[in-house]
């Protein structure tokens, strides 16, 4: 309950950390014209959540991952 409250109070910081993790993945780990690696993306987001909340315990869950190939 305390961790959930901390997450709710830090929602803007969590959102920013998740966007930063996604940007890091896109610029560092992702290779053009390949399918994304959910395990790597989840790991980066989990590390970001743990860092913002100051303790492990929260779990990052990716419910959907949409990948669209470019034509051509």
C-alpha atoms as a PDB file:
ATOM      1  CA  UNK A   1       0.000   0.000   0.000  1.00  0.00           C
ATOM      2  CA  UNK A   2       2.826   2.409   0.830  1.00  0.00           C
ATOM      3  CA  UNK A   3       4.579   1.699  -2.469  1.00  0.00           C
ATOM      4  CA  UNK A   4       1.322   2.176  -4.388  1.00  0.00           C
ATOM      5  CA  UNK A   5       0.826   5.544  -2.674  1.00  0.00           C
ATOM      6  CA  UNK A   6       4.397   6.569  -3.481  1.00  0.00           C
ATOM      7  CA  UNK A   7       3.847   5.572  -7.131  1.00  0.00           C
ATOM      8  CA  UNK A   8       0.632   7.588  -7.307  1.00  0.00           C
ATOM      9  CA  UNK A   9       2.320  10.652  -5.816  1.00  0.00           C
ATOM     10  CA  UNK A  10       5.269  10.297  -8.192  1.00  0.00           C
ATOM     11  CA  UNK A  11       3.192   9.627 -11.325  1.00  0.00           C
ATOM     12  CA  UNK A  12       4.678  12.553 -13.306  1.00  0.00           C
ATOM     13  CA  UNK A  13       8.212  11.441 -12.438  1.00  0.00           C
ATOM     14  CA  UNK A  14       7.350   7.832 -13.326  1.00  0.00           C
ATOM     15  CA  UNK A  15       5.902   8.906 -16.680  1.00  0.00           C
ATOM     16  CA  UNK A  16       9.046  10.887 -17.435  1.00  0.00           C
ATOM     17  CA  UNK A  17      11.274   7.967 -16.400  1.00  0.00           C
ATOM     18  CA  UNK A  18       9.318   5.583 -18.652  1.00  0.00           C
ATOM     19  CA  UNK A  19       9.618   7.949 -21.616  1.00  0.00           C
ATOM     20  CA  UNK A  20      13.337   8.305 -20.951  1.00  0.00           C
ATOM     21  CA  UNK A  21      13.720   4.508 -20.802  1.00  0.00           C
ATOM     22  CA  UNK A  22      11.836   4.187 -24.088  1.00  0.00           C
ATOM     23  CA  UNK A  23      14.044   6.848 -25.680  1.00  0.00           C
ATOM     24  CA  UNK A  24      17.159   5.104 -24.403  1.00  0.00           C
ATOM     25  CA  UNK A  25      15.948   1.823 -25.862  1.00  0.00           C
ATOM     26  CA  UNK A  26      15.111   3.420 -29.204  1.00  0.00           C
ATOM     27  CA  UNK A  27      18.442   5.217 -29.524  1.00  0.00           C
ATOM     28  CA  UNK A  28      20.755   2.582 -28.057  1.00  0.00           C
ATOM     29  CA  UNK A  29      19.322  -0.921 -28.303  1.00  0.00           C
ATOM     30  CA  UNK A  30      16.822  -0.912 -31.154  1.00  0.00           C
ATOM     31  CA  UNK A  31      18.055  -1.808 -34.635  1.00  0.00           C
ATOM     32  CA  UNK A  32      16.160  -0.492 -37.638  1.00  0.00           C
ATOM     33  CA  UNK A  33      13.935  -3.013 -39.458  1.00  0.00           C
ATOM     34  CA  UNK A  34      13.999  -5.524 -36.611  1.00  0.00           C
ATOM     35  CA  UNK A  35      11.319  -6.469 -34.119  1.00  0.00           C
ATOM     36  CA  UNK A  36      11.724  -4.785 -30.731  1.00  0.00           C
ATOM     37  CA  UNK A  37      12.963  -6.832 -27.791  1.00  0.00           C
ATOM     38  CA  UNK A  38      10.306  -6.655 -25.043  1.00  0.00           C
ATOM     39  CA  UNK A  39      12.657  -8.140 -22.417  1.00  0.00           C
ATOM     40  CA  UNK A  40      15.228  -5.361 -22.880  1.00  0.00           C
ATOM     41  CA  UNK A  41      12.581  -2.642 -22.929  1.00  0.00           C
ATOM     42  CA  UNK A  42      10.923  -4.058 -19.798  1.00  0.00           C
ATOM     43  CA  UNK A  43      14.282  -4.247 -17.993  1.00  0.00           C
ATOM     44  CA  UNK A  44      15.037  -0.594 -18.739  1.00  0.00           C
ATOM     45  CA  UNK A  45      11.568   0.478 -17.611  1.00  0.00           C
ATOM     46  CA  UNK A  46      11.784  -1.644 -14.453  1.00  0.00           C
ATOM     47  CA  UNK A  47      15.120  -0.059 -13.547  1.00  0.00           C
ATOM     48  CA  UNK A  48      13.593   3.382 -14.096  1.00  0.00           C
ATOM     49  CA  UNK A  49      10.597   2.591 -11.874  1.00  0.00           C
ATOM     50  CA  UNK A  50      12.814   1.232  -9.101  1.00  0.00           C
ATOM     51  CA  UNK A  51      15.026   4.322  -9.317  1.00  0.00           C
ATOM     52  CA  UNK A  52      12.084   6.772  -9.113  1.00  0.00           C
ATOM     53  CA  UNK A  53      10.341   4.914  -6.301  1.00  0.00           C
ATOM     54  CA  UNK A  54      13.555   4.407  -4.357  1.00  0.00           C
ATOM     55  CA  UNK A  55      12.910   0.720  -3.725  1.00  0.00           C
ATOM     56  CA  UNK A  56      12.137  -2.470  -5.599  1.00  0.00           C
ATOM     57  CA  UNK A  57       8.652  -3.910  -5.357  1.00  0.00           C
ATOM     58  CA  UNK A  58       6.775  -2.312  -8.230  1.00  0.00           C
ATOM     59  CA  UNK A  59       6.445  -4.410 -11.372  1.00  0.00           C
ATOM     60  CA  UNK A  60       6.457  -3.068 -14.905  1.00  0.00           C
ATOM     61  CA  UNK A  61       4.079  -4.953 -17.162  1.00  0.00           C
ATOM     62  CA  UNK A  62       3.960  -4.424 -20.907  1.00  0.00           C
ATOM     63  CA  UNK A  63       0.451  -5.429 -21.925  1.00  0.00           C
ATOM     64  CA  UNK A  64       0.822  -4.720 -25.653  1.00  0.00           C
ATOM     65  CA  UNK A  65       3.689  -4.049 -27.966  1.00  0.00           C
ATOM     66  CA  UNK A  66       2.835  -2.937 -31.487  1.00  0.00           C
ATOM     67  CA  UNK A  67       5.448  -3.170 -34.194  1.00  0.00           C
ATOM     68  CA  UNK A  68       4.752  -1.842 -37.655  1.00  0.00           C
ATOM     69  CA  UNK A  69       7.123  -2.398 -40.559  1.00  0.00           C
ATOM     70  CA  UNK A  70       7.602   0.424 -42.985  1.00  0.00           C
ATOM     71  CA  UNK A  71       6.640  -0.267 -46.557  1.00  0.00           C
ATOM     72  CA  UNK A  72       9.516  -0.283 -49.009  1.00  0.00           C
END
